[in-house]
Protein backbone atom coordinates (compact mmCIF):
# COMPACT_ATOMS: atom_id res chain seq x y z
CA ALA A 1 -6.48 30.01 -5.93
CA LEU A 2 -4.34 27.57 -7.80
CA LEU A 3 -2.34 26.49 -4.74
CA THR A 4 -3.56 25.84 -1.23
CA PRO A 5 -2.23 28.15 1.49
CA ARG A 6 0.04 25.35 2.78
CA GLU A 7 1.36 24.63 -0.72
CA ARG A 8 2.11 28.34 -1.20
CA GLU A 9 3.87 28.50 2.15
CA ILE A 10 6.07 25.49 1.43
CA ALA A 11 6.74 26.53 -2.17
CA ASN A 12 7.72 30.03 -1.08
CA LEU A 13 10.24 28.69 1.43
CA ALA A 14 11.65 26.24 -1.12
CA ALA A 15 11.91 29.01 -3.72
CA ARG A 16 13.98 31.01 -1.23
CA GLY A 17 16.53 28.21 -1.14
CA ARG A 18 15.38 26.25 1.91
CA THR A 19 15.87 22.48 1.66
CA SER A 20 13.00 20.10 2.29
CA LYS A 21 14.63 19.17 5.59
CA GLU A 22 14.83 22.84 6.64
CA VAL A 23 11.23 23.53 5.60
CA ALA A 24 10.09 20.46 7.51
CA ALA A 25 11.90 21.63 10.64
CA ASP A 26 10.56 25.18 10.31
CA LEU A 27 6.95 24.04 9.92
CA VAL A 28 7.14 20.97 12.19
CA LEU A 29 6.33 18.56 9.36
CA SER A 30 7.99 15.44 8.03
CA VAL A 31 10.33 15.75 5.06
CA ARG A 32 8.04 13.38 3.18
CA THR A 33 5.06 15.70 3.74
CA VAL A 34 7.06 18.66 2.44
CA ASP A 35 8.15 16.68 -0.62
CA ASN A 36 4.56 15.57 -1.27
CA HIS A 37 3.36 19.18 -1.15
CA LEU A 38 6.17 20.23 -3.48
CA ALA A 39 5.26 17.45 -5.94
CA ASN A 40 1.68 18.76 -5.96
CA VAL A 41 2.95 22.30 -6.52
CA TYR A 42 5.15 21.23 -9.43
CA ALA A 43 2.23 19.38 -11.04
CA LYS A 44 -0.18 22.30 -10.59
CA LEU A 45 2.33 24.82 -11.97
CA GLY A 46 3.51 22.52 -14.77
CA ILE A 47 7.17 22.71 -13.81
CA PRO A 48 9.75 19.95 -13.45
CA GLY A 49 11.28 21.03 -10.15
CA ARG A 50 12.67 23.49 -7.64
CA ALA A 51 14.83 25.46 -10.09
CA GLU A 52 11.73 26.84 -11.84
CA LEU A 53 9.73 27.41 -8.68
CA GLY A 54 10.41 31.11 -8.06
CA GLY A 55 9.45 32.26 -11.53
CA ALA A 56 6.41 29.99 -11.72
CA LEU A 57 5.12 31.24 -8.35
CA ALA A 58 5.44 34.86 -9.42
CA LEU A 59 3.51 34.17 -12.62
CA ALA A 60 0.86 31.93 -11.09
CA GLU A 61 -0.09 33.99 -8.05
CA PRO A 62 1.66 37.36 -8.04
CA GLU A 63 -0.91 38.91 -5.69
CA ALA A 64 -0.61 36.19 -3.05
CA PRO A 65 2.55 36.78 -1.01
CA VAL A 66 3.29 34.12 1.54
CA VAL A 67 4.25 35.02 5.07
CA PRO A 68 5.73 32.01 6.84
CA ARG A 69 4.05 30.99 10.07
CA PRO A 70 5.99 31.54 13.27
CA ARG A 71 8.07 28.58 14.30
CA THR A 72 6.47 26.30 16.81
CA GLY A 73 7.54 23.13 18.53
CA ARG A 74 11.15 22.17 18.91
CA GLN A 75 13.88 24.60 17.99
CA ALA A 76 16.72 23.58 15.69
């Protein structure tokens, strides 16, 4: 697979319009960790940023749908 499962999970949430802060809260991660994963995703997919993410994900791994993990930890 081109992306790791965690990269796919974060990219999928970002492609659905979630901000890095929201993704971080959902997955109990730091915003910096989310942004680092997204930077890796952009590099692997050869895209400049979030705006191209949805289309690039569909082309790169159409058979690998991402189901977000249940929320754990503190609730927003």
